[in-house]
Amino acid sequence: METGPKTAAPEETDKTSGAPLRPFDARMLDVGDGHWIYVEEVGRKGGVPAVFLHGGPGSGSQHAHRQLFDPDRFHAFLFDQRGAGRSHPYMSLEANTTEHLIADIERIREHYGIARWLVVGGSWGSTLALAYAEAHPERVTGIVMRAVFLGTREEAYWAFVEGPKLFRPDLYADFVGFLSEGERADPLQAYLDRLANPDVAVAGPAARMWAAYERALSKLAPSETRLGPPAAEGRLPPTAFMEAHYIRKDFFLAPGQLLANAGRLAGIPGVIVQGRYDLLCPPKNAYAIAQAWPDCRLQIMENAGHCISEPGVADAVASAVSELGARV
């Protein structure tokens, strides 16, 4: 596997020690199909190997995710999935499936000579963590997940339609009100159709509404509880397009695949950190996978929604990472 030029990353500060928290190496890896993915290494060489899988699909890894790994103990790999973040080509949907992403994780592992590693992911990252671990259980020392999403169309429908109808009806009304009368009978499909439209005048406003809606739903107490008209200009939110691509294809998974294959996780220790009031990825998903995977411990955060920034969630994930890392 070839590597491209190394890419500098902005400096961030460790909240505890005040020391710089930044990658000691960052580069672009050629994973084929015309895709190059950004990969950074955090912590120290020779530490406990770990890989972080970001959400979305399409959001990219964030600098704050580095703080989940004690730099004195871990050798962590954070990367931007195909079409996301600093990877190229940006927002490309070509050759961009769950199977491709699983293969990319293996490419990274093989390129860096890692035999086995701890897998960490949240939301869509939990979906990918399960899919990867079920495909390559012999490569996984443990799994830490947040906000479990099992990759089904039913979950997507709950997240964007049924859940908001029940718990955020005013927000849902704004989301649906953006659509024409004829589209409102099936708002999720209407947004998927708009986001697939090659005309940016159609897709752009839909993407901005989608992103604002999802952002408000992700917090227990959002600062914005209603949706105004979408902005007329500015950068388009990439997650809307990537999420729509994956939803249209049922996340490139067979119906119920991840739950049905949970037996492949036997012997792999796991921890799930789950917000009690997560509207996007409700606790029943986390409970279902924990019931099918006896080696997993489910930790419910009683006063949290979906985001890792909800009170106590990031600390709980970091503690779980340290806990499983200590077993390696």
Protein backbone atom coordinates (compact mmCIF):
# COMPACT_ATOMS: atom_id res chain seq x y z
CA MET A 1 0.00 0.00 0.00
CA GLU A 2 1.32 3.36 -0.99
CA THR A 3 1.38 6.46 1.18
CA GLY A 4 0.96 10.02 0.10
CA PRO A 5 2.57 13.11 1.57
CA LYS A 6 2.29 13.50 5.32
CA THR A 7 -0.40 15.92 6.44
CA ALA A 8 0.03 18.28 9.36
CA ALA A 9 -2.79 18.43 11.91
CA PRO A 10 -3.68 21.40 14.12
CA GLU A 11 -2.44 21.31 17.69
CA GLU A 12 -4.84 20.62 20.54
CA THR A 13 -4.28 20.70 24.28
CA ASP A 14 -4.76 17.82 26.69
CA LYS A 15 -7.32 19.05 29.21
CA THR A 16 -5.62 17.22 32.07
CA SER A 17 -1.90 17.84 31.60
CA GLY A 18 -1.91 20.89 29.37
CA ALA A 19 0.58 19.14 27.07
CA PRO A 20 0.12 19.31 23.30
CA LEU A 21 -2.28 16.62 22.08
CA ARG A 22 -1.54 15.98 18.44
CA PRO A 23 -0.61 13.12 16.11
CA PHE A 24 3.00 12.03 15.99
CA ASP A 25 2.40 11.02 12.38
CA ALA A 26 -0.33 11.69 9.79
CA ARG A 27 -0.51 10.58 6.18
CA MET A 28 -2.69 9.71 3.23
CA LEU A 29 -3.11 6.03 2.34
CA ASP A 30 -4.10 4.80 -1.08
CA VAL A 31 -6.90 2.26 -0.50
CA GLY A 32 -7.79 1.75 -4.15
CA ASP A 33 -10.83 2.68 -6.26
CA GLY A 34 -9.40 6.19 -6.56
CA HIS A 35 -9.74 6.81 -2.80
CA TRP A 36 -7.04 8.14 -0.46
CA ILE A 37 -7.83 8.19 3.25
CA TYR A 38 -6.35 10.38 5.94
CA VAL A 39 -4.84 8.43 8.87
CA GLU A 40 -3.22 9.86 11.99
CA GLU A 41 -1.35 8.16 14.83
CA VAL A 42 -1.83 9.37 18.40
CA GLY A 43 -0.11 8.33 21.62
CA ARG A 44 3.11 6.34 21.45
CA LYS A 45 4.67 3.63 19.34
CA GLY A 46 4.51 0.31 21.16
CA GLY A 47 1.38 1.29 23.09
CA VAL A 48 -1.86 -0.65 23.13
CA PRO A 49 -3.12 -0.61 19.52
CA ALA A 50 -6.55 0.94 18.98
CA VAL A 51 -8.56 2.25 16.04
CA PHE A 52 -11.28 4.90 16.19
CA LEU A 53 -14.27 4.80 13.82
CA HIS A 54 -16.11 8.09 13.41
CA GLY A 55 -19.82 8.60 12.93
CA GLY A 56 -22.04 9.91 10.21
CA PRO A 57 -21.39 8.30 7.80
CA GLY A 58 -19.43 11.27 6.55
CA SER A 59 -18.57 13.31 9.64
CA GLY A 60 -14.84 12.60 9.77
CA SER A 61 -12.72 12.09 12.89
CA GLN A 62 -12.50 15.09 15.20
CA HIS A 63 -9.57 16.39 17.22
CA ALA A 64 -11.52 15.83 20.45
CA HIS A 65 -11.66 12.09 19.71
CA ARG A 66 -7.93 11.91 20.43
CA GLN A 67 -8.71 12.57 24.07
CA LEU A 68 -10.40 9.17 24.40
CA PHE A 69 -6.94 7.56 24.38
CA ASP A 70 -4.37 7.99 27.15
CA PRO A 71 -1.29 9.02 25.11
CA ASP A 72 1.04 7.27 27.54
CA ARG A 73 -0.73 3.92 27.12
CA PHE A 74 -2.18 3.75 23.63
CA HIS A 75 -1.06 3.73 20.04
CA ALA A 76 -4.32 4.93 18.48
CA PHE A 77 -5.21 5.30 14.81
CA LEU A 78 -7.85 7.84 13.80
CA PHE A 79 -8.88 8.09 10.16
CA ASP A 80 -11.42 9.76 7.92
CA GLN A 81 -13.59 7.27 6.04
CA ARG A 82 -13.99 7.40 2.26
CA GLY A 83 -15.32 10.73 1.08
CA ALA A 84 -15.19 12.25 4.58
CA GLY A 85 -13.08 14.85 6.34
CA ARG A 86 -9.57 15.09 4.93
CA SER A 87 -9.86 12.01 2.72
CA HIS A 88 -10.00 12.33 -1.07
CA PRO A 89 -11.98 12.61 -3.24
CA TYR A 90 -14.10 14.61 -0.83
CA MET A 91 -17.78 13.57 -0.60
CA SER A 92 -17.29 10.85 -3.20
CA LEU A 93 -20.00 8.17 -3.11
CA GLU A 94 -18.28 5.97 -5.68
CA ALA A 95 -16.95 2.67 -4.31
CA ASN A 96 -18.21 3.78 -0.90
CA THR A 97 -19.96 0.94 0.92
CA THR A 98 -19.75 -0.77 4.29
CA GLU A 99 -17.72 -3.55 2.68
CA HIS A 100 -15.24 -1.00 1.32
CA LEU A 101 -14.89 0.62 4.75
CA ILE A 102 -14.26 -2.74 6.43
CA ALA A 103 -11.56 -3.43 3.84
CA ASP A 104 -10.04 0.01 4.52
CA ILE A 105 -9.76 -0.76 8.24
CA GLU A 106 -7.91 -3.96 7.36
CA ARG A 107 -5.66 -2.03 4.95
CA ILE A 108 -4.69 0.34 7.76
CA ARG A 109 -4.02 -2.53 10.17
CA GLU A 110 -1.87 -4.39 7.68
CA HIS A 111 -0.01 -1.27 6.55
CA TYR A 112 1.07 -0.44 10.10
CA GLY A 113 1.82 -4.04 11.05
CA ILE A 114 -0.77 -4.29 13.82
CA ALA A 115 -1.73 -7.88 14.71
CA ARG A 116 -4.83 -7.12 16.80
CA TRP A 117 -6.38 -3.93 18.13
CA LEU A 118 -9.09 -2.36 20.27
CA VAL A 119 -11.97 -1.03 18.16
CA VAL A 120 -13.76 2.15 19.30
CA GLY A 121 -16.72 3.83 17.61
CA GLY A 122 -19.93 5.76 18.20
CA SER A 123 -23.25 6.00 16.33
CA TRP A 124 -22.42 4.98 12.73
CA GLY A 125 -18.97 4.18 14.14
CA SER A 126 -20.63 1.52 16.32
CA THR A 127 -22.27 0.02 13.21
CA LEU A 128 -18.93 -0.16 11.48
CA ALA A 129 -17.23 -1.50 14.63
CA LEU A 130 -19.71 -4.38 14.80
CA ALA A 131 -19.51 -5.08 11.06
CA TYR A 132 -15.70 -5.11 11.17
CA ALA A 133 -15.46 -7.23 14.33
CA GLU A 134 -17.96 -9.76 12.99
CA ALA A 135 -15.97 -10.01 9.76
CA HIS A 136 -12.55 -10.19 11.49
CA PRO A 137 -13.05 -11.29 15.12
CA GLU A 138 -9.51 -12.66 15.27
CA ARG A 139 -8.17 -9.11 14.78
CA VAL A 140 -10.09 -7.52 17.66
CA THR A 141 -8.95 -7.37 21.30
CA GLY A 142 -12.06 -5.52 22.51
CA ILE A 143 -14.82 -3.15 21.42
CA VAL A 144 -15.99 0.11 22.98
CA MET A 145 -19.15 1.57 21.47
CA ARG A 146 -21.36 4.59 22.08
CA ALA A 147 -24.92 5.13 20.82
CA VAL A 148 -25.44 1.78 19.12
CA PHE A 149 -26.90 1.81 15.62
CA LEU A 150 -27.52 -1.61 14.01
CA GLY A 151 -27.71 -0.36 10.43
CA THR A 152 -31.35 -0.98 9.53
CA ARG A 153 -33.86 1.09 7.54
CA GLU A 154 -36.27 0.82 10.51
CA GLU A 155 -33.79 2.61 12.76
CA ALA A 156 -33.34 5.38 10.18
CA TYR A 157 -37.11 5.79 9.96
CA TRP A 158 -37.35 6.00 13.75
CA ALA A 159 -34.53 8.56 13.94
CA PHE A 160 -35.95 10.93 11.33
CA VAL A 161 -39.70 10.30 11.52
CA GLU A 162 -41.23 8.23 14.32
CA GLY A 163 -39.03 9.39 17.22
CA PRO A 164 -39.29 13.11 16.45
CA LYS A 165 -43.05 12.79 15.88
CA LEU A 166 -43.42 11.54 19.45
CA PHE A 167 -40.84 13.58 21.32
CA ARG A 168 -40.08 16.67 19.20
CA PRO A 169 -43.30 17.25 17.21
CA ASP A 170 -42.59 20.95 16.71
CA LEU A 171 -39.14 20.19 15.30
CA TYR A 172 -40.62 17.45 13.13
CA ALA A 173 -43.24 19.89 11.82
CA ASP A 174 -40.47 22.25 10.70
CA PHE A 175 -38.56 19.41 9.02
CA VAL A 176 -41.65 18.23 7.11
CA GLY A 177 -42.90 21.76 6.48
CA PHE A 178 -39.88 22.42 4.28
CA LEU A 179 -41.26 19.87 1.79
CA SER A 180 -44.06 20.30 -0.72
CA GLU A 181 -47.53 18.98 0.14
CA GLY A 182 -47.06 16.01 -2.16
CA GLU A 183 -43.82 14.96 -0.44
CA ARG A 184 -45.06 15.05 3.16
CA ALA A 185 -46.66 11.60 3.17
CA ASP A 186 -43.17 10.06 3.16
CA PRO A 187 -40.76 12.76 4.32
CA LEU A 188 -37.72 10.51 4.70
CA GLN A 189 -37.97 9.31 1.11
CA ALA A 190 -38.59 12.87 -0.06
CA TYR A 191 -35.37 14.07 1.57
CA LEU A 192 -33.45 11.09 0.17
CA ASP A 193 -34.71 11.98 -3.31
CA ARG A 194 -33.78 15.64 -2.93
CA LEU A 195 -30.32 14.80 -1.63
CA ALA A 196 -29.74 12.58 -4.67
CA ASN A 197 -30.72 15.37 -7.06
CA PRO A 198 -27.69 16.62 -9.06
CA ASP A 199 -29.09 20.16 -8.98
CA VAL A 200 -27.47 21.89 -5.99
CA ALA A 201 -30.43 24.28 -5.85
CA VAL A 202 -32.56 21.27 -4.87
CA ALA A 203 -30.06 19.21 -2.87
CA GLY A 204 -28.31 22.07 -1.02
CA PRO A 205 -31.27 23.44 1.01
CA ALA A 206 -32.39 19.88 1.81
CA ALA A 207 -28.89 19.07 3.11
CA ARG A 208 -28.90 22.12 5.37
CA MET A 209 -32.34 21.27 6.78
CA TRP A 210 -31.31 17.65 7.33
CA ALA A 211 -28.13 18.65 9.17
CA ALA A 212 -29.88 21.20 11.40
CA TYR A 213 -32.63 18.70 12.23
CA GLU A 214 -30.17 15.93 13.11
CA ARG A 215 -28.07 18.33 15.19
CA ALA A 216 -31.11 19.37 17.26
CA LEU A 217 -32.19 15.74 17.74
CA SER A 218 -28.74 14.70 18.96
CA LYS A 219 -28.87 16.67 22.21
CA LEU A 220 -31.07 16.25 25.26
CA ALA A 221 -31.34 20.03 25.59
CA PRO A 222 -30.48 21.59 22.21
CA SER A 223 -29.85 25.33 21.98
CA GLU A 224 -32.06 25.48 18.87
CA THR A 225 -35.43 23.75 19.18
CA ARG A 226 -36.98 24.96 15.91
CA LEU A 227 -35.77 25.00 12.31
CA GLY A 228 -35.76 28.20 10.34
CA PRO A 229 -35.31 28.51 6.57
CA PRO A 230 -32.00 27.00 5.38
CA ALA A 231 -29.13 29.37 4.68
CA ALA A 232 -28.82 30.44 1.06
CA GLU A 233 -25.05 30.00 0.87
CA GLY A 234 -22.03 28.55 2.62
CA ARG A 235 -20.43 25.11 2.82
CA LEU A 236 -22.83 22.22 2.36
CA PRO A 237 -22.94 19.69 5.24
CA PRO A 238 -21.31 16.49 3.93
CA THR A 239 -23.02 14.10 6.36
CA ALA A 240 -26.44 14.70 4.83
CA PHE A 241 -25.31 13.39 1.45
CA MET A 242 -23.29 10.47 2.82
CA GLU A 243 -26.02 9.41 5.26
CA ALA A 244 -28.63 9.54 2.49
CA HIS A 245 -26.39 7.39 0.28
CA TYR A 246 -26.11 4.73 3.00
CA ILE A 247 -29.79 4.86 3.99
CA ARG A 248 -30.88 4.38 0.37
CA LYS A 249 -28.86 1.15 0.29
CA ASP A 250 -29.92 -0.05 3.77
CA PHE A 251 -26.36 0.64 4.94
CA PHE A 252 -25.11 -2.09 2.58
CA LEU A 253 -26.09 -4.72 5.14
CA ALA A 254 -28.53 -7.63 5.00
CA PRO A 255 -31.66 -7.17 7.15
CA GLY A 256 -30.78 -7.77 10.80
CA GLN A 257 -27.23 -8.78 9.85
CA LEU A 258 -25.32 -7.33 12.79
CA LEU A 259 -27.64 -8.74 15.44
CA ALA A 260 -27.84 -12.13 13.70
CA ASN A 261 -24.04 -12.40 13.57
CA ALA A 262 -23.42 -11.30 17.16
CA GLY A 263 -22.34 -14.84 18.04
CA ARG A 264 -19.10 -14.13 16.16
CA LEU A 265 -18.17 -11.70 18.95
CA ALA A 266 -17.98 -14.47 21.57
CA GLY A 267 -14.86 -14.07 23.71
CA ILE A 268 -14.31 -10.44 22.72
CA PRO A 269 -14.82 -8.09 25.69
CA GLY A 270 -16.98 -5.07 25.06
CA VAL A 271 -18.44 -1.97 26.71
CA ILE A 272 -21.39 0.04 25.41
CA VAL A 273 -21.97 3.60 26.63
CA GLN A 274 -25.56 4.53 25.84
CA GLY A 275 -27.55 7.71 26.48
CA ARG A 276 -30.92 6.97 28.08
CA TYR A 277 -32.67 9.64 25.99
CA ASP A 278 -30.89 9.13 22.69
CA LEU A 279 -33.54 9.84 20.04
CA LEU A 280 -31.33 8.96 17.08
CA CYS A 281 -30.02 5.64 18.44
CA PRO A 282 -32.42 4.58 21.23
CA PRO A 283 -31.30 2.23 24.04
CA LYS A 284 -33.23 -0.77 22.68
CA ASN A 285 -30.52 -1.23 20.03
CA ALA A 286 -27.76 -1.31 22.65
CA TYR A 287 -29.81 -3.63 24.84
CA ALA A 288 -30.44 -6.03 21.94
CA ILE A 289 -26.78 -6.39 21.02
CA ALA A 290 -25.73 -6.68 24.68
CA GLN A 291 -28.24 -9.51 25.18
CA ALA A 292 -26.83 -11.34 22.16
CA TRP A 293 -23.21 -10.77 23.24
CA PRO A 294 -22.61 -11.98 26.82
CA ASP A 295 -19.06 -10.63 26.92
CA CYS A 296 -20.39 -7.07 26.62
CA ARG A 297 -21.29 -4.68 29.46
CA LEU A 298 -23.98 -2.06 28.87
CA GLN A 299 -23.59 1.27 30.70
CA ILE A 300 -26.62 3.57 30.54
CA MET A 301 -25.99 7.30 30.95
CA GLU A 302 -29.18 8.48 32.65
CA ASN A 303 -29.11 12.17 31.69
CA ALA A 304 -27.75 12.03 28.17
CA GLY A 305 -28.94 12.11 24.58
CA HIS A 306 -27.00 11.07 21.51
CA CYS A 307 -23.87 13.25 21.35
CA ILE A 308 -20.52 12.32 22.84
CA SER A 309 -20.51 15.87 24.23
CA GLU A 310 -23.51 15.09 26.48
CA PRO A 311 -22.63 15.23 30.22
CA GLY A 312 -20.34 12.41 31.29
CA VAL A 313 -20.45 10.50 28.00
CA ALA A 314 -16.92 11.22 26.73
CA ASP A 315 -15.45 10.44 30.17
CA ALA A 316 -17.37 7.15 30.28
CA VAL A 317 -16.11 6.18 26.83
CA ALA A 318 -12.51 7.09 27.78
CA SER A 319 -12.82 5.02 30.97
CA ALA A 320 -14.11 2.06 28.99
CA VAL A 321 -11.22 2.41 26.54
CA SER A 322 -8.75 2.38 29.45
CA GLU A 323 -10.54 -0.56 31.05
CA LEU A 324 -10.36 -2.76 27.96
CA GLY A 325 -6.89 -1.51 27.08
CA ALA A 326 -5.66 -2.75 30.46
CA ARG A 327 -6.75 -6.29 29.53
CA VAL A 328 -4.53 -6.44 26.46
